[in-house]
Amino acid sequence: MDTLKKMMMMVMMFVIVGCGEEPGEAPTVPDPVVWTGNILIHASIHISPDSTVLPDSVSIMLDRDSLGVISNFDTLKGISEGRHTIQCASNWNGLLYRTHVQQIQVNHNVGSVLTAYLTRSGSLAVIARHKGIDTPFILKLGSDTLDLRPFPAPPEQEWVEFSPIPQGSYNVTAYWNEDSISIEGWRQNVVIEAAERTDITIDLIEVAPDSGAHAPGMEALDLDGNTWSLADHWGKVIYLYFYEST
């Protein structure tokens, strides 16, 4: 009997000792391992096709988050391993230049090199349609003819891209002759941003002298000797008064 009592007391002591942990304590979990690498920035500003300068510093957008301004040829350290989007910008002579959004792969403990070309030009991608069907076209920005679209175009060339186009606002005209019928369409104030692509669709309609044909580019002098251009009055009704000078 004494032996049985001793055994029961030992069991109770083990139970008491086992319940000695404070309630609410959780086991410690180690922090997850984050693999990182570095990105070396090599930026140049393209002032013109024949002129390039190296900025002293550039601002960085990584995965749409601003990392601030760093020195050119500096290194971004501790970037998580994986694929990232990155965009650089810099000022030169009071003008903003920037890159297209680029993809870069970062590997653990490896330095990746980003070659960044900063520009103030963008691109324009156009689809021209007549009665809902893609059509060939000649494209003009203001009075400048850009290109003739090959037709029929392969499926992957549904958008026709024109580049580089200096940053700014443009009036865009697309036109074509189809079986002796002139078709034309236009868009006003198409904005081209630096290092970005602007997409537009232009619907072409049949035009003729008696049904609203788009007037050709022309300039004239007023009575005060000022030069006026039809291109300066897009979307407005123009009255022309012809008279005989004396």
Protein backbone atom coordinates (compact mmCIF):
# COMPACT_ATOMS: atom_id res chain seq x y z
CA MET A 1 0.00 0.00 0.00
CA ASP A 2 2.83 2.39 0.84
CA THR A 3 4.42 1.61 -2.47
CA LEU A 4 1.16 2.50 -4.31
CA LYS A 5 0.88 5.84 -2.45
CA LYS A 6 4.44 6.72 -3.34
CA MET A 7 3.78 6.01 -7.04
CA MET A 8 0.63 8.20 -7.04
CA MET A 9 2.51 11.09 -5.41
CA MET A 10 5.25 10.89 -8.05
CA VAL A 11 2.65 11.03 -10.84
CA MET A 12 1.03 14.12 -9.27
CA MET A 13 4.45 15.86 -9.05
CA PHE A 14 5.08 15.22 -12.76
CA VAL A 15 1.67 16.71 -13.61
CA ILE A 16 2.36 19.81 -11.50
CA VAL A 17 5.80 20.31 -13.06
CA GLY A 18 4.38 19.85 -16.60
CA CYS A 19 1.81 22.62 -16.01
CA GLY A 20 4.41 25.15 -14.95
CA GLU A 21 4.44 27.09 -18.32
CA GLU A 22 2.72 30.45 -18.31
CA PRO A 23 -0.55 30.52 -20.31
CA GLY A 24 -0.42 32.31 -23.66
CA GLU A 25 3.24 31.63 -24.45
CA ALA A 26 3.83 30.58 -28.07
CA PRO A 27 6.83 28.76 -29.46
CA THR A 28 9.44 31.02 -31.10
CA VAL A 29 9.31 30.94 -34.93
CA PRO A 30 12.46 32.01 -36.79
CA ASP A 31 12.18 34.89 -39.26
CA PRO A 32 11.79 33.81 -42.92
CA VAL A 33 14.96 33.96 -44.97
CA VAL A 34 14.88 36.79 -47.58
CA TRP A 35 17.27 36.34 -50.50
CA THR A 36 18.51 39.63 -51.94
CA GLY A 37 20.74 40.97 -54.69
CA ASN A 38 21.92 44.34 -56.03
CA ILE A 39 21.14 46.52 -59.08
CA LEU A 40 23.84 48.74 -60.61
CA ILE A 41 22.33 51.81 -62.31
CA HIS A 42 23.96 53.02 -65.54
CA ALA A 43 21.90 55.95 -66.92
CA SER A 44 22.37 58.19 -69.95
CA ILE A 45 20.21 61.00 -71.33
CA HIS A 46 19.56 61.11 -75.07
CA ILE A 47 19.26 64.79 -75.91
CA SER A 48 19.11 64.05 -79.65
CA PRO A 49 20.09 61.15 -81.92
CA ASP A 50 23.65 62.52 -81.97
CA SER A 51 23.93 63.86 -78.43
CA THR A 52 24.12 61.92 -75.16
CA VAL A 53 24.98 63.11 -71.64
CA LEU A 54 25.49 61.30 -68.33
CA PRO A 55 23.39 62.72 -65.48
CA ASP A 56 24.90 63.07 -62.01
CA SER A 57 21.86 61.53 -60.35
CA VAL A 58 18.60 59.75 -61.17
CA SER A 59 15.34 59.12 -59.34
CA ILE A 60 14.20 55.49 -59.14
CA MET A 61 10.76 53.88 -59.19
CA LEU A 62 10.94 50.18 -58.27
CA ASP A 63 7.69 48.23 -58.59
CA ARG A 64 5.88 51.60 -58.57
CA ASP A 65 7.46 52.59 -55.24
CA SER A 66 9.79 55.58 -55.14
CA LEU A 67 13.29 54.85 -53.87
CA GLY A 68 14.29 58.50 -54.06
CA VAL A 69 17.31 59.98 -55.83
CA ILE A 70 20.62 58.15 -56.13
CA SER A 71 23.91 58.95 -57.84
CA ASN A 72 24.36 57.68 -61.36
CA PHE A 73 26.50 54.49 -61.48
CA ASP A 74 25.40 53.80 -57.88
CA THR A 75 24.05 50.45 -56.64
CA LEU A 76 20.65 49.61 -55.22
CA LYS A 77 21.37 47.11 -52.44
CA GLY A 78 19.20 44.57 -50.64
CA ILE A 79 16.64 44.13 -53.44
CA SER A 80 14.55 40.99 -52.97
CA GLU A 81 15.24 38.16 -55.36
CA GLY A 82 12.82 37.93 -58.29
CA ARG A 83 11.60 39.94 -61.25
CA HIS A 84 10.95 43.67 -60.79
CA THR A 85 9.77 46.67 -62.82
CA ILE A 86 11.98 49.74 -62.71
CA GLN A 87 11.86 53.25 -64.19
CA CYS A 88 14.44 56.05 -63.98
CA ALA A 89 14.07 59.82 -64.40
CA SER A 90 16.37 62.82 -64.33
CA ASN A 91 16.36 66.56 -65.07
CA TRP A 92 18.66 68.18 -67.60
CA ASN A 93 18.63 71.92 -68.29
CA GLY A 94 15.24 72.19 -66.57
CA LEU A 95 13.61 69.42 -68.65
CA LEU A 96 12.46 66.02 -67.39
CA TYR A 97 13.80 62.90 -69.12
CA ARG A 98 12.81 59.36 -68.21
CA THR A 99 12.95 55.75 -69.32
CA HIS A 100 10.26 53.33 -70.37
CA VAL A 101 9.24 50.91 -67.62
CA GLN A 102 11.76 48.08 -67.79
CA GLN A 103 11.89 44.55 -66.37
CA ILE A 104 14.93 43.38 -64.44
CA GLN A 105 15.76 40.04 -62.81
CA VAL A 106 17.46 40.12 -59.40
CA ASN A 107 19.26 36.99 -58.16
CA HIS A 108 20.56 36.25 -54.68
CA ASN A 109 23.97 37.72 -53.92
CA VAL A 110 24.45 38.77 -57.57
CA GLY A 111 24.75 42.27 -59.06
CA SER A 112 22.38 43.01 -61.96
CA VAL A 113 23.16 45.91 -64.32
CA LEU A 114 20.40 48.27 -65.48
CA THR A 115 21.28 50.24 -68.62
CA ALA A 116 18.79 53.12 -68.62
CA TYR A 117 18.27 55.37 -71.66
CA LEU A 118 16.36 58.52 -70.67
CA THR A 119 14.41 60.41 -73.31
CA ARG A 120 11.77 63.09 -73.86
CA SER A 121 10.25 61.19 -76.79
CA GLY A 122 7.38 58.72 -76.74
CA SER A 123 5.53 56.63 -79.29
CA LEU A 124 2.11 56.57 -80.93
CA ALA A 125 0.28 53.32 -81.72
CA VAL A 126 -2.63 53.60 -84.17
CA ILE A 127 -5.46 51.45 -85.49
CA ALA A 128 -7.41 52.92 -88.43
CA ARG A 129 -10.82 51.47 -89.30
CA HIS A 130 -13.35 52.07 -92.04
CA LYS A 131 -16.85 50.71 -91.36
CA GLY A 132 -15.42 48.69 -88.48
CA ILE A 133 -12.71 46.98 -90.56
CA ASP A 134 -8.98 47.64 -90.28
CA THR A 135 -7.75 49.63 -93.26
CA PRO A 136 -4.39 50.84 -94.58
CA PHE A 137 -3.64 54.47 -93.91
CA ILE A 138 -1.21 57.33 -94.23
CA LEU A 139 -0.63 59.10 -90.93
CA LYS A 140 0.13 62.78 -90.38
CA LEU A 141 1.07 64.66 -87.23
CA GLY A 142 0.07 68.22 -87.97
CA SER A 143 1.44 68.65 -91.49
CA ASP A 144 4.15 65.97 -91.23
CA THR A 145 3.49 62.65 -93.00
CA LEU A 146 4.86 59.78 -90.91
CA ASP A 147 4.47 56.47 -92.66
CA LEU A 148 2.45 54.19 -94.92
CA ARG A 149 0.99 51.16 -93.20
CA PRO A 150 1.58 47.83 -94.97
CA PHE A 151 -1.69 46.04 -95.68
CA PRO A 152 -2.89 43.41 -95.07
CA ALA A 153 -0.98 43.39 -91.80
CA PRO A 154 -0.09 40.25 -89.83
CA PRO A 155 -2.34 39.71 -86.77
CA GLU A 156 0.45 40.65 -84.37
CA GLN A 157 0.71 44.06 -86.08
CA GLU A 158 -2.83 45.19 -85.33
CA TRP A 159 -1.36 48.28 -83.66
CA VAL A 160 1.03 50.24 -85.86
CA GLU A 161 3.58 52.04 -83.71
CA PHE A 162 5.42 55.23 -84.68
CA SER A 163 8.52 56.20 -82.69
CA PRO A 164 10.25 58.32 -81.58
CA ILE A 165 7.82 61.23 -81.37
CA PRO A 166 8.85 64.29 -79.31
CA GLN A 167 6.76 64.89 -76.21
CA GLY A 168 3.84 67.24 -76.89
CA SER A 169 0.25 67.60 -78.10
CA TYR A 170 -0.60 66.82 -81.73
CA ASN A 171 -3.48 66.87 -84.17
CA VAL A 172 -3.44 63.49 -85.92
CA THR A 173 -4.87 62.72 -89.37
CA ALA A 174 -5.23 59.30 -91.01
CA TYR A 175 -6.37 59.01 -94.63
CA TRP A 176 -6.46 56.60 -97.57
CA ASN A 177 -7.88 56.25 -101.09
CA GLU A 178 -9.97 53.13 -101.63
CA ASP A 179 -11.29 52.44 -105.16
CA SER A 180 -11.08 56.19 -105.96
CA ILE A 181 -13.01 56.97 -102.76
CA SER A 182 -11.22 59.14 -100.22
CA ILE A 183 -11.59 58.13 -96.57
CA GLU A 184 -10.27 60.18 -93.68
CA GLY A 185 -10.38 60.57 -89.92
CA TRP A 186 -8.66 62.72 -87.33
CA ARG A 187 -8.07 63.16 -83.63
CA GLN A 188 -7.32 66.43 -81.87
CA ASN A 189 -4.89 67.10 -79.04
CA VAL A 190 -3.29 63.65 -78.85
CA VAL A 191 -0.76 63.89 -76.02
CA ILE A 192 2.59 62.12 -76.32
CA GLU A 193 4.38 61.66 -73.00
CA ALA A 194 8.09 61.00 -72.54
CA ALA A 195 8.93 57.29 -72.57
CA GLU A 196 5.28 56.25 -72.90
CA ARG A 197 3.15 54.77 -75.67
CA THR A 198 -0.13 56.47 -76.56
CA ASP A 199 -2.76 54.23 -78.23
CA ILE A 200 -5.51 55.70 -80.41
CA THR A 201 -8.14 54.31 -82.77
CA ILE A 202 -9.25 56.47 -85.70
CA ASP A 203 -12.50 55.81 -87.58
CA LEU A 204 -12.21 56.83 -91.23
CA ILE A 205 -15.23 58.16 -93.15
CA GLU A 206 -15.82 58.88 -96.82
CA VAL A 207 -15.11 62.50 -97.69
CA ALA A 208 -15.74 64.58 -100.79
CA PRO A 209 -15.80 68.31 -101.61
CA ASP A 210 -19.55 68.46 -101.03
CA SER A 211 -19.64 66.28 -97.89
CA GLY A 212 -17.17 67.74 -95.44
CA ALA A 213 -13.74 66.92 -96.81
CA HIS A 214 -10.85 67.84 -94.54
CA ALA A 215 -9.28 71.02 -95.88
CA PRO A 216 -5.66 70.91 -97.03
CA GLY A 217 -3.07 72.75 -94.98
CA MET A 218 -2.84 76.41 -95.89
CA GLU A 219 -1.67 79.72 -94.45
CA ALA A 220 -2.78 83.27 -95.19
CA LEU A 221 -2.09 86.85 -94.09
CA ASP A 222 -4.70 89.01 -92.43
CA LEU A 223 -5.04 92.77 -92.91
CA ASP A 224 -2.52 93.39 -90.13
CA GLY A 225 0.13 91.20 -91.75
CA ASN A 226 -0.27 88.32 -89.25
CA THR A 227 0.03 84.75 -90.53
CA TRP A 228 -2.92 82.43 -89.85
CA SER A 229 -3.01 78.67 -90.45
CA LEU A 230 -6.04 76.40 -90.79
CA ALA A 231 -4.21 73.89 -88.59
CA ASP A 232 -4.49 76.41 -85.73
CA HIS A 233 -8.29 76.19 -85.84
CA TRP A 234 -9.09 72.49 -85.63
CA GLY A 235 -12.70 71.77 -84.73
CA LYS A 236 -13.89 75.28 -85.56
CA VAL A 237 -16.08 76.57 -88.37
CA ILE A 238 -14.04 78.74 -90.74
CA TYR A 239 -15.64 81.37 -92.98
CA LEU A 240 -13.55 82.46 -95.95
CA TYR A 241 -14.44 85.76 -97.54
CA PHE A 242 -12.94 86.42 -100.96
CA TYR A 243 -12.87 89.91 -102.35
CA GLU A 244 -11.12 91.79 -105.07
CA SER A 245 -8.33 94.05 -103.91
CA THR A 246 -8.28 97.59 -105.25
